[in-house]
Structure formats: C-alpha cells, structure tokens
C-alpha cells in the first residue's frame, strides 16, 4: 500500500541526488552536516512554495476579534488579505496594522482570507513531491554544483510543479469568472443584439 512521502523520505531523496547514503532518522542530535543541510533546505523550500498560496493552505472568510484592541495572528500565518476591500490592513510581525488610520487598535471584528504555513505531515502528496524535487535541485547546487545534475532534477521538478498546479486547479473548482477582470471582459464582449 502506498503512503504519503515522509520528511525522512524527502531528505533521503535529496541525499540520493548527490550520491549520499540514506539515513534512518532525522531526530539524531549528531546528524551529518549534509543531512542537517538537506533538512534545512527542505524546510526553506516548503516555506517558499507555500507562500505562493495554494488551495490546500488558504483559508477564506476567517473572522478575527480584537483582544484588548489588538488583532494578533498566529505565527503560521504567512499571508492575509482583508475581505473588505475598503480597508487597508497590513501585517506587522504577528500584529495587524490599519494603515488608513495609522493604528494597531481595532474596535470591530475583521474578516480575512489567509495563507497558512502547514507542517510537512499536513501537505498533500503533490506538494510534497514538488517541494522535495525543488529542494533537491537547490541542495545539489549548494553542495555539489553540478549543472548536469541540476538539469536532470529540474526536468522532474517542472513536471511535479505542473502536477501541483493541475491538482490545485481541480480541487479549487476555479472558473474564469473567479477573476474580476476576466468576468468583466467576457461580459463586455458578449453580443446581446437579438434582432
């Protein structure tokens, strides 16, 4: 039975791309430098990929209530946008800031769409595959620096990204009408002359 790629399997895949032997655990305090570097690169690339905001790590219409006038986000929120487009709210650290009124004090609830940084075990398999391959390419470039290996890994990485984008589109059920500009264009260009 197939299982989801574990973080250990991802790191071992990265090590395999540079010709190093796999390891049995990532929890050992005395990990070789290459293993700890691979793990760090995997985490770095996971953050980078998830920051793009995919259907699997985006939450919509999340309500925040001020506590003592402040609205504080959890540390795993990497992007957010207010649903009310008349507001100009930005994230400063973990606290929200109202740019229009130049304050961090809020008196009413705020509804946002947000992107959350998920731990490895919460990622879908297509994301794990893409992150592993992208991390492998970057890790190989930092450790070995082989252009030939980079090209081989990059080919697989591009296929994995395409698969991720395809899966993201399928699960999100998007249409062209989800984009305001596209919906307006289609509406403008329609011929309503019924004569």
N, C-alpha and C. Protein backbone atom coordinates (compact mmCIF):
# COMPACT_ATOMS: atom_id res chain seq x y z
N UNK A 1 0.83 -1.17 0.00
CA UNK A 1 0.00 0.00 0.00
C UNK A 1 0.89 1.25 0.00
N UNK A 2 0.58 2.16 -0.89
CA UNK A 2 1.36 3.40 -1.00
C UNK A 2 1.02 4.34 0.16
N UNK A 3 2.01 5.03 0.64
CA UNK A 3 1.80 6.00 1.71
C UNK A 3 2.36 7.35 1.27
N UNK A 4 1.98 8.39 1.99
CA UNK A 4 2.49 9.72 1.69
C UNK A 4 3.98 9.79 1.99
N UNK A 5 4.68 10.60 1.23
CA UNK A 5 6.12 10.79 1.42
C UNK A 5 6.37 11.44 2.78
N UNK A 6 7.20 10.80 3.58
CA UNK A 6 7.55 11.36 4.88
C UNK A 6 8.69 12.37 4.71
N UNK A 7 8.91 13.16 5.74
CA UNK A 7 10.02 14.11 5.72
C UNK A 7 11.35 13.37 5.61
N UNK A 8 11.46 12.22 6.27
CA UNK A 8 12.67 11.41 6.18
C UNK A 8 12.89 10.93 4.75
N UNK A 9 11.84 10.46 4.09
CA UNK A 9 11.97 10.02 2.70
C UNK A 9 12.37 11.18 1.79
N UNK A 10 11.84 12.36 2.04
CA UNK A 10 12.19 13.53 1.23
C UNK A 10 13.68 13.86 1.39
N UNK A 11 14.15 13.87 2.63
CA UNK A 11 15.57 14.15 2.88
C UNK A 11 16.44 13.07 2.25
N UNK A 12 16.05 11.81 2.36
CA UNK A 12 16.82 10.72 1.74
C UNK A 12 16.84 10.84 0.22
N UNK A 13 15.75 11.29 -0.36
CA UNK A 13 15.72 11.54 -1.80
C UNK A 13 16.72 12.63 -2.17
N UNK A 14 16.76 13.68 -1.38
CA UNK A 14 17.71 14.76 -1.61
C UNK A 14 19.14 14.26 -1.50
N UNK A 15 19.41 13.44 -0.50
CA UNK A 15 20.76 12.87 -0.33
C UNK A 15 21.10 11.97 -1.51
N UNK A 16 20.13 11.21 -1.99
CA UNK A 16 20.35 10.33 -3.13
C UNK A 16 20.73 11.09 -4.39
N UNK A 17 20.20 12.31 -4.54
CA UNK A 17 20.53 13.11 -5.71
C UNK A 17 21.99 13.55 -5.73
N UNK A 18 22.64 13.54 -4.56
CA UNK A 18 24.07 13.90 -4.55
C UNK A 18 24.94 12.67 -4.28
N UNK A 19 24.33 11.49 -4.31
CA UNK A 19 25.09 10.26 -4.17
C UNK A 19 25.44 9.87 -2.74
N UNK A 20 24.73 10.42 -1.77
CA UNK A 20 24.99 10.06 -0.37
C UNK A 20 24.02 8.98 0.09
N UNK A 21 24.44 8.22 1.07
CA UNK A 21 23.63 7.14 1.63
C UNK A 21 22.46 7.71 2.42
N UNK A 22 21.33 7.00 2.43
CA UNK A 22 20.19 7.45 3.21
C UNK A 22 20.45 7.31 4.71
N UNK A 23 19.66 8.02 5.50
CA UNK A 23 19.75 7.93 6.95
C UNK A 23 18.47 7.29 7.49
N UNK A 24 18.53 6.80 8.72
CA UNK A 24 17.38 6.12 9.32
C UNK A 24 16.49 7.04 10.14
N UNK A 25 17.03 8.22 10.51
CA UNK A 25 16.27 9.11 11.39
C UNK A 25 16.74 10.55 11.20
N UNK A 26 15.83 11.48 11.43
CA UNK A 26 16.18 12.90 11.40
C UNK A 26 16.25 13.49 12.80
N UNK A 27 16.00 12.66 13.80
CA UNK A 27 15.96 13.15 15.18
C UNK A 27 17.27 13.00 15.92
N UNK A 28 18.25 12.37 15.31
CA UNK A 28 19.55 12.19 15.93
C UNK A 28 20.22 13.55 16.13
N UNK A 29 20.76 13.78 17.30
CA UNK A 29 21.42 15.06 17.59
C UNK A 29 22.73 15.21 16.83
N UNK A 30 23.35 14.11 16.43
CA UNK A 30 24.64 14.16 15.75
C UNK A 30 24.49 13.86 14.26
N UNK A 31 23.56 14.54 13.60
CA UNK A 31 23.36 14.31 12.17
C UNK A 31 24.56 14.83 11.39
N UNK A 32 24.93 14.13 10.31
CA UNK A 32 25.99 14.67 9.43
C UNK A 32 25.56 16.03 8.88
N UNK A 33 26.53 16.85 8.54
CA UNK A 33 26.25 18.19 8.03
C UNK A 33 25.36 18.13 6.79
N UNK A 34 25.60 17.18 5.91
CA UNK A 34 24.80 17.10 4.69
C UNK A 34 23.33 16.82 5.00
N UNK A 35 23.06 16.03 6.03
CA UNK A 35 21.68 15.71 6.40
C UNK A 35 20.99 16.93 7.01
N UNK A 36 21.66 17.60 7.93
CA UNK A 36 21.05 18.78 8.54
C UNK A 36 20.88 19.89 7.50
N UNK A 37 21.81 19.98 6.54
CA UNK A 37 21.66 20.96 5.46
C UNK A 37 20.48 20.60 4.58
N UNK A 38 20.32 19.33 4.25
CA UNK A 38 19.19 18.88 3.43
C UNK A 38 17.88 19.19 4.13
N UNK A 39 17.82 18.93 5.41
CA UNK A 39 16.60 19.20 6.18
C UNK A 39 16.29 20.69 6.20
N UNK A 40 17.31 21.52 6.37
CA UNK A 40 17.12 22.98 6.38
C UNK A 40 16.65 23.48 5.02
N UNK A 41 17.23 22.95 3.95
CA UNK A 41 16.81 23.35 2.59
C UNK A 41 15.37 22.90 2.34
N UNK A 42 15.01 21.71 2.77
CA UNK A 42 13.64 21.22 2.60
C UNK A 42 12.65 22.15 3.30
N UNK A 43 12.95 22.57 4.53
CA UNK A 43 12.08 23.50 5.26
C UNK A 43 12.01 24.86 4.56
N UNK A 44 13.15 25.33 4.08
CA UNK A 44 13.21 26.62 3.37
C UNK A 44 12.33 26.60 2.12
N UNK A 45 12.44 25.54 1.34
CA UNK A 45 11.67 25.44 0.10
C UNK A 45 10.19 25.21 0.39
N UNK A 46 9.89 24.48 1.44
CA UNK A 46 8.49 24.29 1.82
C UNK A 46 7.84 25.64 2.13
N UNK A 47 8.54 26.48 2.88
CA UNK A 47 8.03 27.83 3.17
C UNK A 47 7.85 28.63 1.89
N UNK A 48 8.87 28.58 1.03
CA UNK A 48 8.82 29.35 -0.21
C UNK A 48 7.63 28.93 -1.08
N UNK A 49 7.43 27.64 -1.25
CA UNK A 49 6.34 27.14 -2.08
C UNK A 49 4.99 27.47 -1.45
N UNK A 50 4.86 27.26 -0.15
CA UNK A 50 3.59 27.53 0.50
C UNK A 50 3.23 29.01 0.52
N UNK A 51 4.23 29.88 0.48
CA UNK A 51 3.98 31.32 0.47
C UNK A 51 3.24 31.74 -0.79
N UNK A 52 3.34 30.95 -1.85
CA UNK A 52 2.61 31.26 -3.08
C UNK A 52 1.10 31.25 -2.85
N UNK A 53 0.65 30.50 -1.86
CA UNK A 53 -0.78 30.43 -1.57
C UNK A 53 -1.49 29.46 -2.49
N UNK A 54 -1.68 28.25 -2.04
CA UNK A 54 -2.36 27.21 -2.80
C UNK A 54 -3.72 26.95 -2.17
N UNK A 55 -4.56 26.25 -2.88
CA UNK A 55 -5.89 25.94 -2.35
C UNK A 55 -5.79 25.16 -1.04
N UNK A 56 -4.80 24.29 -0.92
CA UNK A 56 -4.68 23.45 0.27
C UNK A 56 -4.24 24.20 1.52
N UNK A 57 -3.62 25.38 1.38
CA UNK A 57 -3.18 26.09 2.58
C UNK A 57 -3.79 27.49 2.70
N UNK A 58 -4.87 27.73 1.95
CA UNK A 58 -5.56 29.01 2.02
C UNK A 58 -6.90 28.83 2.70
N UNK A 59 -7.19 29.72 3.61
CA UNK A 59 -8.46 29.70 4.34
C UNK A 59 -9.20 31.00 4.05
N UNK A 60 -10.49 30.90 3.77
CA UNK A 60 -11.27 32.08 3.40
C UNK A 60 -12.28 32.44 4.49
N UNK A 61 -12.55 33.73 4.55
CA UNK A 61 -13.55 34.28 5.48
C UNK A 61 -13.31 33.88 6.93
N UNK A 62 -12.08 34.08 7.37
CA UNK A 62 -11.72 33.80 8.76
C UNK A 62 -11.94 35.07 9.57
N UNK A 63 -12.68 34.95 10.65
CA UNK A 63 -13.02 36.12 11.46
C UNK A 63 -12.07 36.25 12.65
N UNK A 64 -11.54 37.45 12.82
CA UNK A 64 -10.69 37.77 13.97
C UNK A 64 -11.39 38.83 14.81
N UNK A 65 -11.36 38.66 16.10
CA UNK A 65 -11.91 39.64 17.03
C UNK A 65 -10.74 40.25 17.80
N UNK A 66 -10.80 41.57 17.99
CA UNK A 66 -9.70 42.20 18.74
C UNK A 66 -9.72 41.78 20.21
N UNK A 67 -8.52 41.57 20.74
CA UNK A 67 -8.35 41.28 22.17
C UNK A 67 -7.56 42.43 22.75
N UNK A 68 -8.22 43.23 23.56
CA UNK A 68 -7.56 44.42 24.10
C UNK A 68 -7.26 45.43 23.02
N UNK A 69 -8.05 45.42 21.96
CA UNK A 69 -7.87 46.35 20.85
C UNK A 69 -6.94 45.84 19.76
N UNK A 70 -6.15 44.79 20.05
CA UNK A 70 -5.20 44.26 19.08
C UNK A 70 -5.75 43.02 18.39
N UNK A 71 -5.37 42.85 17.13
CA UNK A 71 -5.64 41.60 16.43
C UNK A 71 -4.28 40.98 16.13
N UNK A 72 -4.06 39.82 16.73
CA UNK A 72 -2.78 39.13 16.58
C UNK A 72 -2.99 37.82 15.84
N UNK A 73 -2.17 37.60 14.83
CA UNK A 73 -2.23 36.37 14.06
C UNK A 73 -1.31 35.32 14.69
N UNK A 74 -1.60 34.07 14.44
CA UNK A 74 -0.70 33.02 14.89
C UNK A 74 0.54 33.04 14.00
N UNK A 75 1.62 32.47 14.48
CA UNK A 75 2.90 32.56 13.77
C UNK A 75 2.95 31.73 12.48
N UNK A 76 1.93 30.92 12.23
CA UNK A 76 1.93 30.13 11.00
C UNK A 76 1.16 30.81 9.86
N UNK A 77 0.69 32.03 10.07
CA UNK A 77 0.02 32.78 9.01
C UNK A 77 1.09 33.52 8.22
N UNK A 78 1.22 33.18 6.93
CA UNK A 78 2.29 33.78 6.13
C UNK A 78 1.78 34.86 5.17
N UNK A 79 0.47 34.90 4.93
CA UNK A 79 -0.13 35.95 4.13
C UNK A 79 -1.57 36.11 4.55
N UNK A 80 -2.08 37.31 4.38
CA UNK A 80 -3.51 37.50 4.62
C UNK A 80 -3.97 38.70 3.81
N UNK A 81 -5.28 38.78 3.61
CA UNK A 81 -5.89 39.91 2.92
C UNK A 81 -7.29 40.08 3.48
N UNK A 82 -7.66 41.32 3.75
CA UNK A 82 -9.00 41.55 4.27
C UNK A 82 -10.03 41.33 3.19
N UNK A 83 -11.17 40.83 3.58
CA UNK A 83 -12.27 40.61 2.64
C UNK A 83 -12.86 41.95 2.23
N UNK A 84 -12.94 42.89 3.16
CA UNK A 84 -13.45 44.23 2.88
C UNK A 84 -12.36 45.04 2.18
N UNK A 85 -12.55 45.31 0.90
CA UNK A 85 -11.52 45.98 0.10
C UNK A 85 -11.38 47.46 0.41
N UNK A 86 -12.27 48.02 1.22
CA UNK A 86 -12.13 49.43 1.59
C UNK A 86 -11.12 49.61 2.72
N UNK A 87 -10.75 48.53 3.37
CA UNK A 87 -9.78 48.59 4.46
C UNK A 87 -8.36 48.46 3.91
N UNK A 88 -7.42 49.08 4.59
CA UNK A 88 -6.01 48.97 4.21
C UNK A 88 -5.24 48.44 5.43
N UNK A 89 -5.33 47.12 5.62
CA UNK A 89 -4.74 46.47 6.78
C UNK A 89 -3.51 45.68 6.32
N UNK A 90 -2.41 45.81 7.05
CA UNK A 90 -1.20 45.06 6.76
C UNK A 90 -0.76 44.30 8.00
N UNK A 91 0.09 43.32 7.77
CA UNK A 91 0.64 42.52 8.86
C UNK A 91 2.00 43.08 9.23
N UNK A 92 2.18 43.38 10.49
CA UNK A 92 3.48 43.82 11.01
C UNK A 92 3.86 42.85 12.12
N UNK A 93 4.76 41.93 11.75
CA UNK A 93 5.05 40.85 12.68
C UNK A 93 3.82 39.97 12.77
N UNK A 94 3.33 39.76 13.97
CA UNK A 94 2.12 38.96 14.14
C UNK A 94 0.89 39.83 14.40
N UNK A 95 1.09 41.15 14.43
CA UNK A 95 0.00 42.09 14.73
C UNK A 95 -0.48 42.77 13.46
N UNK A 96 -1.79 43.00 13.38
CA UNK A 96 -2.34 43.71 12.23
C UNK A 96 -2.29 45.21 12.48
N UNK A 97 -2.07 45.95 11.39
CA UNK A 97 -1.92 47.40 11.45
C UNK A 97 -2.86 48.03 10.43
N UNK A 98 -3.64 49.00 10.86
CA UNK A 98 -4.56 49.74 9.99
C UNK A 98 -3.81 50.93 9.41
N UNK A 99 -3.44 50.84 8.15
CA UNK A 99 -2.66 51.91 7.51
C UNK A 99 -3.48 53.18 7.31
N UNK A 100 -4.76 53.02 7.05
CA UNK A 100 -5.62 54.18 6.80
C UNK A 100 -5.72 55.06 8.05
N UNK A 101 -5.84 54.42 9.22
CA UNK A 101 -5.99 55.16 10.47
C UNK A 101 -4.71 55.19 11.29
N UNK A 102 -3.64 54.60 10.76
CA UNK A 102 -2.33 54.62 11.40
C UNK A 102 -2.38 54.10 12.84
N UNK A 103 -2.96 52.89 13.00
CA UNK A 103 -3.11 52.34 14.34
C UNK A 103 -3.11 50.81 14.33
N UNK A 104 -2.78 50.25 15.47
CA UNK A 104 -2.91 48.80 15.66
C UNK A 104 -4.15 48.48 16.49
N UNK A 105 -4.93 49.49 16.83
CA UNK A 105 -6.12 49.31 17.65
C UNK A 105 -7.34 49.10 16.76
N UNK A 106 -8.06 48.02 17.03
CA UNK A 106 -9.27 47.70 16.28
C UNK A 106 -10.45 47.64 17.26
N UNK A 107 -11.60 48.11 16.79
CA UNK A 107 -12.79 48.12 17.64
C UNK A 107 -13.85 47.14 17.16
N UNK A 108 -13.65 46.54 16.00
CA UNK A 108 -14.64 45.59 15.49
C UNK A 108 -13.93 44.38 14.88
N UNK A 109 -14.72 43.34 14.65
CA UNK A 109 -14.18 42.12 14.05
C UNK A 109 -13.66 42.40 12.64
N UNK A 110 -12.75 41.56 12.21
CA UNK A 110 -12.15 41.68 10.88
C UNK A 110 -12.21 40.31 10.21
N UNK A 111 -12.67 40.27 8.97
CA UNK A 111 -12.74 39.02 8.22
C UNK A 111 -11.66 39.04 7.16
N UNK A 112 -10.87 37.95 7.11
CA UNK A 112 -9.73 37.90 6.19
C UNK A 112 -9.69 36.57 5.45
N UNK A 113 -8.97 36.57 4.35
CA UNK A 113 -8.54 35.35 3.67
C UNK A 113 -7.07 35.22 4.01
N UNK A 114 -6.64 34.03 4.40
CA UNK A 114 -5.27 33.89 4.86
C UNK A 114 -4.61 32.62 4.32
N UNK A 115 -3.29 32.70 4.25
CA UNK A 115 -2.48 31.56 3.83
C UNK A 115 -1.70 31.09 5.05
N UNK A 116 -1.80 29.79 5.31
CA UNK A 116 -1.19 29.21 6.49
C UNK A 116 0.01 28.34 6.09
N UNK A 117 1.09 28.44 6.84
CA UNK A 117 2.26 27.58 6.65
C UNK A 117 1.96 26.26 7.35
N UNK A 118 1.82 25.20 6.56
CA UNK A 118 1.47 23.90 7.10
C UNK A 118 2.71 23.07 7.40
N UNK A 119 2.64 22.23 8.43
CA UNK A 119 3.75 21.31 8.67
C UNK A 119 3.78 20.24 7.57
N UNK A 120 4.91 19.59 7.42
CA UNK A 120 5.12 18.60 6.36
C UNK A 120 4.00 17.55 6.32
N UNK A 121 3.62 17.05 7.47
CA UNK A 121 2.62 15.98 7.53
C UNK A 121 1.22 16.42 7.11
N UNK A 122 0.98 17.73 6.98
CA UNK A 122 -0.32 18.22 6.55
C UNK A 122 -0.38 18.55 5.06
N UNK A 123 0.74 18.42 4.37
CA UNK A 123 0.78 18.74 2.94
C UNK A 123 0.23 17.60 2.09
N UNK A 124 -0.45 17.92 0.99
CA UNK A 124 -0.87 16.86 0.06
C UNK A 124 0.35 16.28 -0.65
N UNK A 125 0.23 15.08 -1.16
CA UNK A 125 1.36 14.39 -1.79
C UNK A 125 1.93 15.17 -2.97
N UNK A 126 1.09 15.78 -3.81
CA UNK A 126 1.62 16.52 -4.96
C UNK A 126 2.50 17.67 -4.52
N UNK A 127 2.18 18.30 -3.40
CA UNK A 127 3.01 19.38 -2.88
C UNK A 127 4.31 18.82 -2.31
N UNK A 128 4.23 17.69 -1.62
CA UNK A 128 5.44 17.06 -1.07
C UNK A 128 6.41 16.71 -2.20
N UNK A 129 5.89 16.16 -3.27
CA UNK A 129 6.73 15.76 -4.40
C UNK A 129 7.42 16.97 -5.02
N UNK A 130 6.67 18.03 -5.27
CA UNK A 130 7.26 19.23 -5.87
C UNK A 130 8.30 19.85 -4.94
N UNK A 131 7.96 19.98 -3.66
CA UNK A 131 8.89 20.58 -2.70
C UNK A 131 10.16 19.75 -2.60
N UNK A 132 10.02 18.43 -2.58
CA UNK A 132 11.19 17.55 -2.50
C UNK A 132 12.11 17.75 -3.70
N UNK A 133 11.54 17.79 -4.89
CA UNK A 133 12.37 17.94 -6.10
C UNK A 133 13.00 19.32 -6.19
N UNK A 134 12.26 20.35 -5.87
CA UNK A 134 12.84 21.70 -5.90
C UNK A 134 13.94 21.82 -4.86
N UNK A 135 13.69 21.27 -3.67
CA UNK A 135 14.71 21.29 -2.61
C UNK A 135 15.93 20.47 -3.03
N UNK A 136 15.71 19.35 -3.73
CA UNK A 136 16.83 18.52 -4.21
C UNK A 136 17.71 19.30 -5.17
N UNK A 137 17.07 20.04 -6.09
CA UNK A 137 17.83 20.81 -7.06
C UNK A 137 18.66 21.88 -6.37
N UNK A 138 18.07 22.59 -5.44
CA UNK A 138 18.78 23.67 -4.74
C UNK A 138 19.87 23.09 -3.83
N UNK A 139 19.55 22.03 -3.12
CA UNK A 139 20.52 21.36 -2.24
C UNK A 139 21.72 20.88 -3.05
N UNK A 140 21.47 20.23 -4.17
CA UNK A 140 22.54 19.73 -5.04
C UNK A 140 23.40 20.89 -5.52
N UNK A 141 22.76 22.01 -5.87
CA UNK A 141 23.51 23.18 -6.32
C UNK A 141 24.42 23.75 -5.25
N UNK A 142 23.97 23.70 -4.01
CA UNK A 142 24.77 24.24 -2.90
C UNK A 142 25.88 23.30 -2.48
N UNK A 143 25.65 21.98 -2.59
CA UNK A 143 26.64 21.01 -2.12
C UNK A 143 27.59 20.59 -3.23
N UNK A 144 27.03 20.20 -4.37
CA UNK A 144 27.85 19.66 -5.47
C UNK A 144 28.09 20.69 -6.56
N UNK A 145 27.03 21.37 -6.96
CA UNK A 145 27.14 22.40 -8.01
C UNK A 145 27.22 21.86 -9.42
N UNK A 146 26.68 20.68 -9.66
CA UNK A 146 26.74 20.07 -10.99
C UNK A 146 25.59 20.58 -11.85
N UNK A 147 25.92 21.19 -12.99
CA UNK A 147 24.91 21.68 -13.94
C UNK A 147 24.13 20.52 -14.55
N UNK A 148 24.81 19.39 -14.77
CA UNK A 148 24.15 18.23 -15.36
C UNK A 148 23.10 17.66 -14.41
N UNK A 149 23.47 17.50 -13.14
CA UNK A 149 22.51 17.03 -12.14
C UNK A 149 21.35 18.00 -11.98
N UNK A 150 21.67 19.29 -11.99
CA UNK A 150 20.63 20.31 -11.88
C UNK A 150 19.61 20.18 -13.00
N UNK A 151 20.10 19.98 -14.22
CA UNK A 151 19.20 19.85 -15.37
C UNK A 151 18.32 18.61 -15.26
N UNK A 152 18.89 17.50 -14.79
CA UNK A 152 18.11 16.27 -14.63
C UNK A 152 17.01 16.43 -13.58
N UNK A 153 17.36 17.04 -12.46
CA UNK A 153 16.38 17.23 -11.40
C UNK A 153 15.34 18.26 -11.83
N UNK A 154 15.77 19.30 -12.53
CA UNK A 154 14.86 20.37 -12.96
C UNK A 154 13.75 19.83 -13.85
N UNK A 155 14.07 18.88 -14.70
CA UNK A 155 13.05 18.30 -15.58
C UNK A 155 11.94 17.66 -14.75
N UNK A 156 12.32 16.87 -13.76
CA UNK A 156 11.33 16.25 -12.88
C UNK A 156 10.59 17.30 -12.04
N UNK A 157 11.32 18.32 -11.64
CA UNK A 157 10.71 19.40 -10.84
C UNK A 157 9.61 20.11 -11.62
N UNK A 158 9.86 20.39 -12.90
CA UNK A 158 8.86 21.08 -13.72
C UNK A 158 7.60 20.24 -13.88
N UNK A 159 7.76 18.94 -14.05
CA UNK A 159 6.61 18.04 -14.15
C UNK A 159 5.84 18.04 -12.83
N UNK A 160 6.57 17.99 -11.71
CA UNK A 160 5.93 17.98 -10.40
C UNK A 160 5.17 19.29 -10.14
N UNK A 161 5.74 20.42 -10.57
CA UNK A 161 5.03 21.70 -10.40
C UNK A 161 3.77 21.73 -11.24
N UNK A 162 3.87 21.23 -12.44
CA UNK A 162 2.69 21.15 -13.31
C UNK A 162 1.61 20.29 -12.67
N UNK A 163 1.99 19.17 -12.10
CA UNK A 163 1.03 18.29 -11.41
C UNK A 163 0.41 18.99 -10.21
N UNK A 164 1.21 19.76 -9.48
CA UNK A 164 0.70 20.51 -8.33
C UNK A 164 -0.31 21.56 -8.79
N UNK A 165 0.03 22.28 -9.85
CA UNK A 165 -0.89 23.30 -10.36
C UNK A 165 -2.19 22.66 -10.86
N UNK A 166 -2.08 21.53 -11.52
CA UNK A 166 -3.26 20.83 -12.02
C UNK A 166 -4.13 20.37 -10.84
N UNK A 167 -3.54 19.78 -9.84
CA UNK A 167 -4.29 19.33 -8.66
C UNK A 167 -4.92 20.51 -7.94
N UNK A 168 -4.18 21.61 -7.85
CA UNK A 168 -4.69 22.80 -7.18
C UNK A 168 -5.91 23.34 -7.92
N UNK A 169 -5.85 23.36 -9.22
CA UNK A 169 -6.98 23.82 -10.02
C UNK A 169 -8.19 22.90 -9.90
N UNK A 170 -7.93 21.60 -9.89
CA UNK A 170 -9.03 20.63 -9.76
C UNK A 170 -9.74 20.74 -8.42
N UNK A 171 -8.97 20.84 -7.35
CA UNK A 171 -9.59 20.86 -6.02
C UNK A 171 -10.24 22.20 -5.69
N UNK A 172 -9.80 23.27 -6.33
CA UNK A 172 -10.37 24.59 -6.02
C UNK A 172 -11.60 24.90 -6.85
N UNK A 173 -11.86 24.12 -7.90
CA UNK A 173 -13.03 24.32 -8.76
C UNK A 173 -13.12 25.75 -9.29
N UNK A 174 -12.00 26.31 -9.70
CA UNK A 174 -11.99 27.68 -10.22
C UNK A 174 -12.57 27.74 -11.63
N UNK A 175 -13.11 28.89 -11.95
CA UNK A 175 -13.53 29.18 -13.31
C UNK A 175 -12.95 30.53 -13.70
N UNK A 176 -13.08 30.89 -14.95
CA UNK A 176 -12.56 32.20 -15.36
C UNK A 176 -13.34 33.33 -14.70
N UNK A 177 -14.54 33.04 -14.23
CA UNK A 177 -15.36 34.06 -13.61
C UNK A 177 -14.94 34.37 -12.17
N UNK A 178 -13.99 33.60 -11.62
CA UNK A 178 -13.44 33.90 -10.31
C UNK A 178 -12.51 35.11 -10.36
N UNK A 179 -12.10 35.48 -11.55
CA UNK A 179 -11.23 36.63 -11.74
C UNK A 179 -12.09 37.78 -12.24
N UNK A 180 -12.12 38.87 -11.51
CA UNK A 180 -12.98 40.00 -11.85
C UNK A 180 -12.70 40.52 -13.26
N UNK A 181 -11.43 40.71 -13.60
CA UNK A 181 -11.08 41.24 -14.92
C UNK A 181 -11.60 40.35 -16.04
N UNK A 182 -11.42 39.03 -15.88
CA UNK A 182 -11.89 38.10 -16.91
C UNK A 182 -13.41 38.12 -17.02
N UNK A 183 -14.09 38.14 -15.89
CA UNK A 183 -15.55 38.15 -15.91
C UNK A 183 -16.09 39.42 -16.57
N UNK A 184 -15.45 40.55 -16.29
CA UNK A 184 -15.88 41.81 -16.90
C UNK A 184 -15.64 41.78 -18.40
N UNK A 185 -14.49 41.29 -18.82
CA UNK A 185 -14.17 41.22 -20.25
C UNK A 185 -15.16 40.35 -20.99
N UNK A 186 -15.45 39.19 -20.44
CA UNK A 186 -16.40 38.28 -21.08
C UNK A 186 -17.77 38.95 -21.17
N UNK A 187 -18.17 39.66 -20.13
CA UNK A 187 -19.46 40.35 -20.11
C UNK A 187 -19.51 41.48 -21.11
N UNK A 188 -18.41 42.23 -21.27
CA UNK A 188 -18.36 43.35 -22.20
C UNK A 188 -18.41 42.88 -23.66
N UNK A 189 -17.73 41.78 -23.94
CA UNK A 189 -17.59 41.34 -25.31
C UNK A 189 -18.77 40.51 -25.83
N UNK A 190 -19.74 40.26 -25.00
CA UNK A 190 -20.89 39.49 -25.45
C UNK A 190 -21.76 40.34 -26.37
N UNK A 191 -22.29 39.71 -27.38
CA UNK A 191 -23.17 40.38 -28.32
C UNK A 191 -24.60 40.12 -27.89
N UNK A 192 -25.28 41.16 -27.42
CA UNK A 192 -26.65 41.00 -26.93
C UNK A 192 -27.69 41.41 -27.98
N UNK A 193 -27.25 41.67 -29.20
CA UNK A 193 -28.18 42.06 -30.25
C UNK A 193 -28.97 40.85 -30.70
N UNK A 194 -30.23 40.79 -30.36
CA UNK A 194 -31.07 39.63 -30.67
C UNK A 194 -31.90 39.84 -31.93
N UNK A 195 -31.69 40.92 -32.69
CA UNK A 195 -32.52 41.17 -33.88
C UNK A 195 -32.20 40.32 -35.06
